[in-house]
N, C-alpha and C. Protein backbone atom coordinates (compact mmCIF):
# COMPACT_ATOMS: atom_id res chain seq x y z
N MET A 1 -45.98 -74.53 -21.69
CA MET A 1 -44.75 -74.62 -20.95
C MET A 1 -43.58 -74.36 -21.89
N SER A 2 -42.58 -73.66 -21.41
CA SER A 2 -41.41 -73.37 -22.22
C SER A 2 -40.58 -74.63 -22.43
N ARG A 3 -40.10 -74.81 -23.63
CA ARG A 3 -39.25 -75.97 -23.90
C ARG A 3 -37.87 -75.80 -23.27
N PHE A 4 -37.53 -74.57 -22.84
CA PHE A 4 -36.24 -74.32 -22.21
C PHE A 4 -36.26 -74.59 -20.71
N LEU A 5 -37.21 -73.97 -20.01
CA LEU A 5 -37.10 -73.90 -18.55
C LEU A 5 -38.35 -74.30 -17.78
N GLY A 6 -39.32 -74.90 -18.44
CA GLY A 6 -40.53 -75.30 -17.74
C GLY A 6 -41.59 -74.21 -17.73
N PRO A 7 -42.44 -74.21 -16.71
CA PRO A 7 -43.57 -73.27 -16.70
C PRO A 7 -43.13 -71.84 -16.38
N ILE A 8 -43.83 -70.89 -16.97
CA ILE A 8 -43.65 -69.48 -16.59
C ILE A 8 -44.16 -69.34 -15.17
N ARG A 9 -43.38 -68.73 -14.30
CA ARG A 9 -43.75 -68.59 -12.90
C ARG A 9 -44.06 -67.16 -12.50
N GLN A 10 -43.63 -66.18 -13.34
CA GLN A 10 -43.84 -64.77 -12.97
C GLN A 10 -44.04 -63.94 -14.22
N LEU A 11 -44.94 -62.96 -14.11
CA LEU A 11 -45.11 -61.94 -15.15
C LEU A 11 -44.68 -60.61 -14.53
N GLY A 12 -43.72 -59.94 -15.17
CA GLY A 12 -43.16 -58.70 -14.63
C GLY A 12 -43.65 -57.49 -15.40
N PHE A 13 -44.31 -56.58 -14.70
CA PHE A 13 -44.89 -55.38 -15.30
C PHE A 13 -44.11 -54.14 -14.84
N VAL A 14 -43.60 -53.38 -15.80
CA VAL A 14 -42.99 -52.09 -15.49
C VAL A 14 -44.11 -51.07 -15.49
N VAL A 15 -44.22 -50.32 -14.40
CA VAL A 15 -45.34 -49.40 -14.23
C VAL A 15 -44.83 -48.00 -13.90
N PRO A 16 -45.59 -46.96 -14.30
CA PRO A 16 -45.17 -45.59 -13.98
C PRO A 16 -45.43 -45.19 -12.53
N ASP A 17 -46.42 -45.83 -11.88
CA ASP A 17 -46.79 -45.50 -10.50
C ASP A 17 -47.18 -46.80 -9.80
N ILE A 18 -46.28 -47.31 -8.98
CA ILE A 18 -46.48 -48.63 -8.38
C ILE A 18 -47.65 -48.65 -7.39
N GLU A 19 -47.85 -47.55 -6.66
CA GLU A 19 -48.98 -47.50 -5.73
C GLU A 19 -50.30 -47.58 -6.49
N GLU A 20 -50.40 -46.84 -7.58
CA GLU A 20 -51.60 -46.89 -8.42
C GLU A 20 -51.79 -48.29 -9.02
N ALA A 21 -50.69 -48.91 -9.44
CA ALA A 21 -50.77 -50.25 -10.02
C ALA A 21 -51.22 -51.28 -8.98
N MET A 22 -50.69 -51.19 -7.75
CA MET A 22 -51.14 -52.13 -6.70
C MET A 22 -52.63 -51.94 -6.43
N ASP A 23 -53.09 -50.69 -6.41
CA ASP A 23 -54.51 -50.43 -6.19
C ASP A 23 -55.34 -51.07 -7.29
N HIS A 24 -54.93 -50.91 -8.53
CA HIS A 24 -55.66 -51.49 -9.66
C HIS A 24 -55.71 -53.01 -9.56
N TRP A 25 -54.55 -53.63 -9.33
CA TRP A 25 -54.50 -55.09 -9.28
C TRP A 25 -55.32 -55.66 -8.13
N THR A 26 -55.30 -54.98 -6.97
CA THR A 26 -56.05 -55.52 -5.83
C THR A 26 -57.54 -55.22 -5.96
N ARG A 27 -57.89 -53.99 -6.33
CA ARG A 27 -59.29 -53.59 -6.34
C ARG A 27 -60.02 -54.07 -7.59
N VAL A 28 -59.42 -53.89 -8.77
CA VAL A 28 -60.09 -54.22 -10.03
C VAL A 28 -59.88 -55.68 -10.43
N MET A 29 -58.64 -56.16 -10.30
CA MET A 29 -58.32 -57.51 -10.74
C MET A 29 -58.54 -58.56 -9.64
N GLY A 30 -58.62 -58.11 -8.38
CA GLY A 30 -58.83 -59.04 -7.27
C GLY A 30 -57.61 -59.86 -6.91
N VAL A 31 -56.43 -59.41 -7.32
CA VAL A 31 -55.18 -60.12 -7.06
C VAL A 31 -54.49 -59.51 -5.85
N GLY A 32 -54.03 -60.35 -4.95
CA GLY A 32 -53.33 -59.84 -3.78
C GLY A 32 -53.23 -60.92 -2.73
N PRO A 33 -52.69 -60.56 -1.59
CA PRO A 33 -52.13 -59.26 -1.26
C PRO A 33 -50.75 -59.08 -1.90
N PHE A 34 -50.39 -57.82 -2.07
CA PHE A 34 -49.06 -57.49 -2.59
C PHE A 34 -48.09 -57.29 -1.44
N TYR A 35 -46.92 -57.85 -1.60
CA TYR A 35 -45.80 -57.60 -0.68
C TYR A 35 -44.93 -56.56 -1.37
N TYR A 36 -44.74 -55.44 -0.69
CA TYR A 36 -44.15 -54.25 -1.31
C TYR A 36 -42.82 -53.90 -0.67
N ASN A 37 -41.83 -53.66 -1.52
CA ASN A 37 -40.53 -53.17 -1.08
C ASN A 37 -40.23 -51.90 -1.85
N PRO A 38 -40.23 -50.73 -1.18
CA PRO A 38 -40.02 -49.48 -1.89
C PRO A 38 -38.62 -49.32 -2.46
N ARG A 39 -37.65 -50.11 -1.96
CA ARG A 39 -36.30 -50.06 -2.53
C ARG A 39 -35.63 -51.42 -2.33
N VAL A 40 -35.64 -52.20 -3.38
CA VAL A 40 -35.10 -53.55 -3.34
C VAL A 40 -33.57 -53.49 -3.32
N PRO A 41 -32.94 -54.15 -2.35
CA PRO A 41 -31.48 -54.15 -2.29
C PRO A 41 -30.88 -55.14 -3.29
N ILE A 42 -30.46 -54.64 -4.43
CA ILE A 42 -29.88 -55.49 -5.48
C ILE A 42 -28.35 -55.41 -5.37
N GLU A 43 -27.75 -56.57 -5.29
CA GLU A 43 -26.29 -56.65 -5.21
C GLU A 43 -25.73 -57.19 -6.53
N ASP A 44 -24.47 -56.88 -6.79
CA ASP A 44 -23.76 -57.39 -7.97
C ASP A 44 -24.50 -57.09 -9.27
N TYR A 45 -25.16 -55.93 -9.34
CA TYR A 45 -25.97 -55.58 -10.50
C TYR A 45 -25.08 -55.19 -11.68
N LEU A 46 -25.38 -55.80 -12.83
CA LEU A 46 -24.69 -55.48 -14.08
C LEU A 46 -25.72 -55.26 -15.18
N HIS A 47 -25.47 -54.25 -16.00
CA HIS A 47 -26.25 -54.03 -17.21
C HIS A 47 -25.25 -53.89 -18.35
N ASP A 48 -25.33 -54.76 -19.32
CA ASP A 48 -24.37 -54.81 -20.43
C ASP A 48 -22.93 -54.82 -19.91
N GLY A 49 -22.71 -55.57 -18.83
CA GLY A 49 -21.37 -55.75 -18.29
C GLY A 49 -20.86 -54.64 -17.40
N GLU A 50 -21.65 -53.59 -17.19
CA GLU A 50 -21.22 -52.46 -16.36
C GLU A 50 -22.00 -52.44 -15.06
N ARG A 51 -21.30 -52.11 -13.97
CA ARG A 51 -21.91 -52.03 -12.64
C ARG A 51 -22.69 -50.73 -12.49
N HIS A 52 -23.84 -50.85 -11.84
CA HIS A 52 -24.69 -49.69 -11.53
C HIS A 52 -25.39 -49.98 -10.21
N GLU A 53 -26.03 -48.97 -9.66
CA GLU A 53 -26.81 -49.13 -8.43
C GLU A 53 -28.25 -48.70 -8.70
N PRO A 54 -29.08 -49.66 -9.14
CA PRO A 54 -30.47 -49.32 -9.44
C PRO A 54 -31.27 -49.12 -8.15
N GLU A 55 -32.26 -48.28 -8.26
CA GLU A 55 -33.24 -48.08 -7.19
C GLU A 55 -34.60 -48.39 -7.79
N ASN A 56 -35.10 -49.56 -7.43
CA ASN A 56 -36.39 -50.01 -7.95
C ASN A 56 -37.32 -50.33 -6.80
N SER A 57 -38.58 -49.97 -6.97
CA SER A 57 -39.63 -50.42 -6.07
C SER A 57 -40.27 -51.64 -6.71
N VAL A 58 -40.57 -52.65 -5.87
CA VAL A 58 -41.14 -53.89 -6.37
C VAL A 58 -42.29 -54.32 -5.47
N ALA A 59 -43.35 -54.82 -6.09
CA ALA A 59 -44.48 -55.40 -5.36
C ALA A 59 -44.77 -56.76 -5.99
N LEU A 60 -45.01 -57.76 -5.13
CA LEU A 60 -45.24 -59.13 -5.59
C LEU A 60 -46.52 -59.69 -4.99
N ALA A 61 -47.31 -60.36 -5.84
CA ALA A 61 -48.51 -61.08 -5.40
C ALA A 61 -48.69 -62.27 -6.33
N ASN A 62 -49.47 -63.23 -5.90
CA ASN A 62 -49.75 -64.37 -6.77
C ASN A 62 -51.19 -64.32 -7.25
N ALA A 63 -51.36 -64.78 -8.48
CA ALA A 63 -52.68 -65.04 -9.06
C ALA A 63 -52.65 -66.52 -9.42
N GLY A 64 -52.99 -67.35 -8.45
CA GLY A 64 -52.85 -68.78 -8.63
C GLY A 64 -51.37 -69.15 -8.62
N TYR A 65 -50.97 -69.94 -9.60
CA TYR A 65 -49.60 -70.44 -9.70
C TYR A 65 -48.62 -69.35 -10.14
N VAL A 66 -49.11 -68.32 -10.84
CA VAL A 66 -48.25 -67.30 -11.44
C VAL A 66 -48.13 -66.10 -10.50
N GLN A 67 -46.90 -65.63 -10.35
CA GLN A 67 -46.64 -64.44 -9.55
C GLN A 67 -46.69 -63.21 -10.45
N VAL A 68 -47.30 -62.15 -9.94
CA VAL A 68 -47.35 -60.85 -10.61
C VAL A 68 -46.32 -59.96 -9.93
N GLU A 69 -45.41 -59.40 -10.72
CA GLU A 69 -44.40 -58.48 -10.20
C GLU A 69 -44.64 -57.11 -10.81
N LEU A 70 -44.74 -56.11 -9.95
CA LEU A 70 -44.86 -54.72 -10.39
C LEU A 70 -43.53 -54.04 -10.08
N ILE A 71 -42.99 -53.28 -11.05
CA ILE A 71 -41.67 -52.66 -10.91
C ILE A 71 -41.76 -51.20 -11.32
N GLN A 72 -41.25 -50.33 -10.46
CA GLN A 72 -41.12 -48.92 -10.81
C GLN A 72 -39.67 -48.52 -10.61
N CYS A 73 -39.04 -47.99 -11.67
CA CYS A 73 -37.68 -47.46 -11.58
C CYS A 73 -37.72 -46.15 -10.80
N ARG A 74 -36.83 -46.03 -9.81
CA ARG A 74 -36.77 -44.81 -9.00
C ARG A 74 -35.54 -43.95 -9.32
N ASN A 75 -34.63 -44.46 -10.16
CA ASN A 75 -33.53 -43.64 -10.63
C ASN A 75 -33.30 -43.97 -12.11
N ASP A 76 -32.35 -43.31 -12.72
CA ASP A 76 -32.17 -43.44 -14.17
C ASP A 76 -30.95 -44.25 -14.57
N VAL A 77 -30.49 -45.17 -13.72
CA VAL A 77 -29.36 -45.99 -14.14
C VAL A 77 -29.81 -46.92 -15.27
N PRO A 78 -28.88 -47.33 -16.12
CA PRO A 78 -29.25 -48.22 -17.23
C PRO A 78 -29.85 -49.53 -16.72
N SER A 79 -30.94 -49.93 -17.34
CA SER A 79 -31.58 -51.21 -17.06
C SER A 79 -32.50 -51.54 -18.21
N MET A 80 -32.88 -52.80 -18.29
CA MET A 80 -33.84 -53.19 -19.31
C MET A 80 -35.23 -52.63 -18.99
N TYR A 81 -35.51 -52.38 -17.71
CA TYR A 81 -36.77 -51.74 -17.32
C TYR A 81 -36.81 -50.31 -17.86
N LYS A 82 -35.70 -49.59 -17.68
CA LYS A 82 -35.63 -48.19 -18.14
C LYS A 82 -35.72 -48.14 -19.66
N GLU A 83 -35.05 -49.05 -20.35
CA GLU A 83 -35.13 -49.08 -21.81
C GLU A 83 -36.58 -49.30 -22.26
N PHE A 84 -37.26 -50.20 -21.61
CA PHE A 84 -38.66 -50.48 -21.91
C PHE A 84 -39.50 -49.22 -21.73
N ARG A 85 -39.33 -48.56 -20.59
CA ARG A 85 -40.07 -47.33 -20.28
C ARG A 85 -39.70 -46.22 -21.26
N ASP A 86 -38.41 -46.05 -21.54
CA ASP A 86 -37.96 -44.98 -22.44
C ASP A 86 -38.45 -45.19 -23.87
N ALA A 87 -38.77 -46.43 -24.24
CA ALA A 87 -39.32 -46.71 -25.56
C ALA A 87 -40.81 -46.40 -25.63
N GLY A 88 -41.36 -45.87 -24.52
CA GLY A 88 -42.77 -45.50 -24.48
C GLY A 88 -43.68 -46.62 -24.02
N ASN A 89 -43.09 -47.69 -23.51
CA ASN A 89 -43.88 -48.84 -23.07
C ASN A 89 -44.12 -48.79 -21.56
N TRP A 90 -45.17 -49.44 -21.15
CA TRP A 90 -45.38 -49.83 -19.77
C TRP A 90 -46.32 -51.02 -19.80
N GLY A 91 -46.26 -51.82 -18.77
CA GLY A 91 -47.02 -53.05 -18.76
C GLY A 91 -46.07 -54.24 -18.75
N LEU A 92 -46.50 -55.35 -19.34
CA LEU A 92 -45.73 -56.58 -19.30
C LEU A 92 -44.37 -56.38 -19.97
N GLN A 93 -43.30 -56.56 -19.20
CA GLN A 93 -41.94 -56.39 -19.70
C GLN A 93 -41.20 -57.73 -19.78
N HIS A 94 -41.47 -58.65 -18.85
CA HIS A 94 -40.76 -59.92 -18.88
C HIS A 94 -41.60 -61.06 -18.33
N THR A 95 -41.16 -62.26 -18.69
CA THR A 95 -41.67 -63.48 -18.09
C THR A 95 -40.49 -64.15 -17.40
N ALA A 96 -40.75 -64.71 -16.23
CA ALA A 96 -39.67 -65.31 -15.47
C ALA A 96 -39.89 -66.80 -15.29
N TYR A 97 -38.79 -67.50 -15.35
CA TYR A 97 -38.73 -68.92 -15.05
C TYR A 97 -37.91 -69.07 -13.79
N TRP A 98 -38.35 -69.92 -12.89
CA TRP A 98 -37.68 -70.11 -11.61
C TRP A 98 -36.85 -71.38 -11.65
N THR A 99 -35.72 -71.33 -10.96
CA THR A 99 -34.83 -72.48 -10.95
C THR A 99 -34.23 -72.72 -9.58
N GLN A 100 -33.98 -73.97 -9.31
CA GLN A 100 -33.21 -74.38 -8.13
C GLN A 100 -31.74 -74.60 -8.53
N ASP A 101 -31.48 -74.76 -9.83
CA ASP A 101 -30.12 -74.99 -10.32
C ASP A 101 -29.76 -73.88 -11.32
N TYR A 102 -29.44 -72.72 -10.78
CA TYR A 102 -29.20 -71.52 -11.58
C TYR A 102 -28.06 -71.72 -12.58
N ASP A 103 -26.93 -72.25 -12.14
CA ASP A 103 -25.77 -72.38 -13.02
C ASP A 103 -26.09 -73.28 -14.22
N ARG A 104 -26.75 -74.41 -13.97
CA ARG A 104 -27.12 -75.32 -15.06
C ARG A 104 -28.05 -74.63 -16.06
N ASP A 105 -29.10 -73.96 -15.55
CA ASP A 105 -30.07 -73.35 -16.44
C ASP A 105 -29.53 -72.12 -17.15
N LEU A 106 -28.62 -71.40 -16.53
CA LEU A 106 -27.95 -70.28 -17.21
C LEU A 106 -27.13 -70.81 -18.38
N ARG A 107 -26.36 -71.86 -18.16
CA ARG A 107 -25.58 -72.47 -19.25
C ARG A 107 -26.50 -72.95 -20.37
N ARG A 108 -27.61 -73.53 -19.99
CA ARG A 108 -28.58 -74.03 -20.97
C ARG A 108 -29.08 -72.90 -21.87
N MET A 109 -29.43 -71.77 -21.27
CA MET A 109 -29.90 -70.62 -22.06
C MET A 109 -28.78 -70.07 -22.95
N GLU A 110 -27.59 -69.97 -22.40
CA GLU A 110 -26.46 -69.48 -23.21
C GLU A 110 -26.17 -70.44 -24.36
N ASP A 111 -26.29 -71.74 -24.13
CA ASP A 111 -26.09 -72.73 -25.20
C ASP A 111 -27.14 -72.58 -26.29
N GLU A 112 -28.31 -72.06 -25.94
CA GLU A 112 -29.38 -71.82 -26.92
C GLU A 112 -29.19 -70.49 -27.66
N GLY A 113 -28.13 -69.75 -27.32
CA GLY A 113 -27.84 -68.49 -28.01
C GLY A 113 -28.31 -67.24 -27.29
N PHE A 114 -28.85 -67.39 -26.10
CA PHE A 114 -29.27 -66.23 -25.32
C PHE A 114 -28.06 -65.59 -24.65
N ARG A 115 -28.06 -64.27 -24.58
CA ARG A 115 -26.97 -63.52 -23.95
C ARG A 115 -27.54 -62.72 -22.79
N VAL A 116 -26.86 -62.77 -21.64
CA VAL A 116 -27.30 -62.01 -20.47
C VAL A 116 -27.03 -60.53 -20.71
N ARG A 117 -28.07 -59.71 -20.53
CA ARG A 117 -27.93 -58.25 -20.62
C ARG A 117 -27.97 -57.59 -19.25
N MET A 118 -28.71 -58.19 -18.32
CA MET A 118 -28.89 -57.59 -17.00
C MET A 118 -28.89 -58.72 -15.98
N SER A 119 -28.15 -58.51 -14.87
CA SER A 119 -28.09 -59.56 -13.86
C SER A 119 -27.79 -58.95 -12.50
N GLY A 120 -27.99 -59.75 -11.48
CA GLY A 120 -27.71 -59.31 -10.12
C GLY A 120 -28.14 -60.38 -9.14
N ARG A 121 -28.27 -59.93 -7.89
CA ARG A 121 -28.62 -60.86 -6.83
C ARG A 121 -29.42 -60.12 -5.77
N VAL A 122 -30.43 -60.79 -5.24
CA VAL A 122 -31.21 -60.31 -4.10
C VAL A 122 -31.09 -61.38 -3.03
N GLY A 123 -30.38 -61.07 -1.96
CA GLY A 123 -30.17 -62.05 -0.90
C GLY A 123 -29.14 -63.10 -1.29
N ILE A 124 -29.09 -64.15 -0.49
CA ILE A 124 -28.06 -65.19 -0.66
C ILE A 124 -28.32 -66.05 -1.89
N ASP A 125 -29.51 -66.59 -2.01
CA ASP A 125 -29.85 -67.50 -3.11
C ASP A 125 -30.85 -66.84 -4.04
N GLY A 126 -30.52 -65.66 -4.51
CA GLY A 126 -31.47 -64.94 -5.33
C GLY A 126 -30.87 -64.32 -6.57
N ARG A 127 -30.01 -65.07 -7.26
CA ARG A 127 -29.43 -64.55 -8.50
C ARG A 127 -30.51 -64.46 -9.58
N PHE A 128 -30.31 -63.53 -10.50
CA PHE A 128 -31.23 -63.40 -11.63
C PHE A 128 -30.46 -62.94 -12.86
N ALA A 129 -31.00 -63.28 -14.03
CA ALA A 129 -30.43 -62.85 -15.31
C ALA A 129 -31.58 -62.57 -16.27
N TYR A 130 -31.44 -61.49 -17.02
CA TYR A 130 -32.38 -61.14 -18.08
C TYR A 130 -31.63 -61.27 -19.40
N PHE A 131 -32.30 -61.89 -20.37
CA PHE A 131 -31.65 -62.19 -21.65
C PHE A 131 -32.04 -61.20 -22.74
N ASP A 132 -31.25 -61.18 -23.81
CA ASP A 132 -31.31 -60.13 -24.83
C ASP A 132 -32.23 -60.41 -26.00
N ARG A 133 -32.99 -61.44 -26.02
CA ARG A 133 -33.72 -61.82 -27.22
C ARG A 133 -35.14 -61.30 -27.31
N GLU A 134 -35.44 -60.14 -26.80
CA GLU A 134 -36.80 -59.61 -26.90
C GLU A 134 -37.06 -59.23 -28.36
N THR A 135 -38.17 -59.71 -28.89
CA THR A 135 -38.53 -59.34 -30.26
C THR A 135 -39.77 -58.47 -30.30
N HIS A 136 -40.51 -58.41 -29.22
CA HIS A 136 -41.58 -57.44 -29.07
C HIS A 136 -41.80 -57.21 -27.58
N PRO A 137 -42.39 -56.07 -27.21
CA PRO A 137 -42.52 -55.75 -25.78
C PRO A 137 -43.20 -56.85 -24.99
N GLY A 138 -42.62 -57.13 -23.81
CA GLY A 138 -43.21 -58.11 -22.92
C GLY A 138 -42.62 -59.50 -23.03
N THR A 139 -41.61 -59.69 -23.88
CA THR A 139 -41.09 -61.04 -24.07
C THR A 139 -39.64 -61.21 -23.61
N VAL A 140 -39.14 -60.30 -22.80
CA VAL A 140 -37.84 -60.53 -22.19
C VAL A 140 -37.97 -61.75 -21.28
N ILE A 141 -36.95 -62.59 -21.26
CA ILE A 141 -36.94 -63.76 -20.40
C ILE A 141 -36.02 -63.50 -19.22
N GLU A 142 -36.53 -63.78 -18.02
CA GLU A 142 -35.73 -63.72 -16.81
C GLU A 142 -35.56 -65.14 -16.28
N LEU A 143 -34.34 -65.46 -15.86
CA LEU A 143 -34.06 -66.67 -15.11
C LEU A 143 -33.83 -66.25 -13.68
N SER A 144 -34.61 -66.78 -12.75
CA SER A 144 -34.55 -66.36 -11.35
C SER A 144 -34.29 -67.55 -10.45
N GLU A 145 -33.23 -67.44 -9.67
CA GLU A 145 -32.91 -68.47 -8.68
C GLU A 145 -33.85 -68.32 -7.50
N VAL A 146 -34.61 -69.36 -7.22
CA VAL A 146 -35.60 -69.30 -6.16
C VAL A 146 -35.39 -70.48 -5.22
N LYS A 147 -34.63 -70.21 -4.17
CA LYS A 147 -34.40 -71.17 -3.09
C LYS A 147 -33.96 -70.37 -1.88
N GLY A 148 -33.73 -71.02 -0.78
CA GLY A 148 -33.30 -70.32 0.43
C GLY A 148 -34.31 -69.27 0.85
N PRO A 149 -33.85 -68.13 1.40
CA PRO A 149 -34.77 -67.08 1.87
C PRO A 149 -35.69 -66.55 0.78
N LYS A 150 -35.19 -66.37 -0.44
CA LYS A 150 -36.04 -65.89 -1.52
C LYS A 150 -37.12 -66.90 -1.84
N GLY A 151 -36.78 -68.17 -1.84
CA GLY A 151 -37.77 -69.22 -2.07
C GLY A 151 -38.84 -69.22 -0.99
N ARG A 152 -38.42 -69.04 0.27
CA ARG A 152 -39.39 -69.00 1.37
C ARG A 152 -40.29 -67.76 1.26
N LEU A 153 -39.72 -66.62 0.82
CA LEU A 153 -40.53 -65.42 0.60
C LEU A 153 -41.58 -65.69 -0.47
N PHE A 154 -41.19 -66.30 -1.57
CA PHE A 154 -42.13 -66.58 -2.65
C PHE A 154 -43.21 -67.57 -2.20
N ASP A 155 -42.85 -68.54 -1.34
CA ASP A 155 -43.85 -69.44 -0.78
C ASP A 155 -44.84 -68.67 0.08
N LEU A 156 -44.34 -67.76 0.92
CA LEU A 156 -45.20 -66.94 1.78
C LEU A 156 -46.17 -66.12 0.95
N ILE A 157 -45.69 -65.53 -0.14
CA ILE A 157 -46.54 -64.71 -1.01
C ILE A 157 -47.63 -65.56 -1.65
N ARG A 158 -47.26 -66.74 -2.16
CA ARG A 158 -48.25 -67.62 -2.78
C ARG A 158 -49.29 -68.08 -1.75
N GLU A 159 -48.83 -68.47 -0.57
CA GLU A 159 -49.76 -68.93 0.47
C GLU A 159 -50.70 -67.82 0.91
N ALA A 160 -50.21 -66.58 1.00
CA ALA A 160 -51.06 -65.46 1.41
C ALA A 160 -52.17 -65.19 0.38
N SER A 161 -51.91 -65.52 -0.87
CA SER A 161 -52.90 -65.25 -1.92
C SER A 161 -54.05 -66.26 -1.91
N GLN A 162 -53.79 -67.43 -1.37
CA GLN A 162 -54.82 -68.47 -1.35
C GLN A 162 -55.93 -68.05 -0.40
N ASP A 163 -57.13 -67.99 -0.90
CA ASP A 163 -58.30 -67.59 -0.13
C ASP A 163 -58.19 -66.18 0.45
N TRP A 164 -57.40 -65.30 -0.20
CA TRP A 164 -57.27 -63.91 0.25
C TRP A 164 -58.63 -63.24 0.18
N ASP A 165 -59.02 -62.55 1.25
CA ASP A 165 -60.35 -61.95 1.33
C ASP A 165 -60.39 -60.46 1.00
N GLY A 166 -59.29 -59.91 0.51
CA GLY A 166 -59.25 -58.50 0.15
C GLY A 166 -58.74 -57.60 1.25
N SER A 167 -58.55 -58.13 2.45
CA SER A 167 -58.08 -57.30 3.55
C SER A 167 -56.56 -57.12 3.48
N ASN A 168 -56.10 -56.02 4.05
CA ASN A 168 -54.66 -55.74 4.12
C ASN A 168 -54.00 -55.98 2.76
N PRO A 169 -54.39 -55.22 1.72
CA PRO A 169 -53.97 -55.52 0.35
C PRO A 169 -52.49 -55.26 0.06
N VAL A 170 -51.85 -54.38 0.84
CA VAL A 170 -50.42 -54.09 0.63
C VAL A 170 -49.70 -54.32 1.94
N ARG A 171 -48.68 -55.19 1.88
CA ARG A 171 -47.94 -55.58 3.08
C ARG A 171 -46.45 -55.37 2.82
N PRO A 172 -45.68 -55.08 3.86
CA PRO A 172 -44.24 -54.90 3.66
C PRO A 172 -43.55 -56.23 3.42
N PHE A 173 -42.46 -56.18 2.64
CA PHE A 173 -41.60 -57.36 2.50
C PHE A 173 -41.06 -57.73 3.86
N PRO A 174 -41.06 -58.99 4.22
CA PRO A 174 -40.33 -59.37 5.44
C PRO A 174 -38.83 -59.30 5.17
N ASP A 175 -38.05 -59.22 6.19
CA ASP A 175 -36.61 -59.21 6.09
C ASP A 175 -36.16 -60.59 5.63
N LEU A 176 -35.45 -60.68 4.50
CA LEU A 176 -35.02 -61.98 3.99
C LEU A 176 -34.13 -62.72 4.98
N ALA A 177 -33.40 -61.97 5.80
CA ALA A 177 -32.49 -62.61 6.77
C ALA A 177 -33.25 -63.40 7.82
N THR A 178 -34.53 -63.09 8.02
CA THR A 178 -35.32 -63.78 9.03
C THR A 178 -36.12 -64.96 8.47
N LEU A 179 -36.10 -65.11 7.16
CA LEU A 179 -36.88 -66.21 6.53
C LEU A 179 -36.08 -67.50 6.46
């Protein structure tokens, strides 16, 4: 468990082909089902303090307590995902910690010397921040606010993975407004 934010709740993989990655994770690894959004609506996105409009495809599934996130960049706006890919990497890019008290935990990380490099919001209660202290690939830390509709989506994904029989391995994201 992290001494900063508790247990790691998500492993984020940057992949060159998200459909191929979902197939591998479901068929070879037995993880699923994946909830897939071909274009995640990210609001208030900043990278190094500058606004951009990223186009990312994301797929989420749980393997027990830990969520697996697959990410494919669909445009070339600046992001830590793109930097990771441009450095010749693919695979594990970040670990995420989930919080119900985003402001408190963001201050806590900043007090520890971490600096936000990338941030934004998905839905009402879905703020996120990625910090700058990566020392080798796969160790970027994400702080993710998980409550409200986003929290209910993550609960749905975890519940769907329990006793999953391999059927219907890729499912669309539900509309967050309806959760």
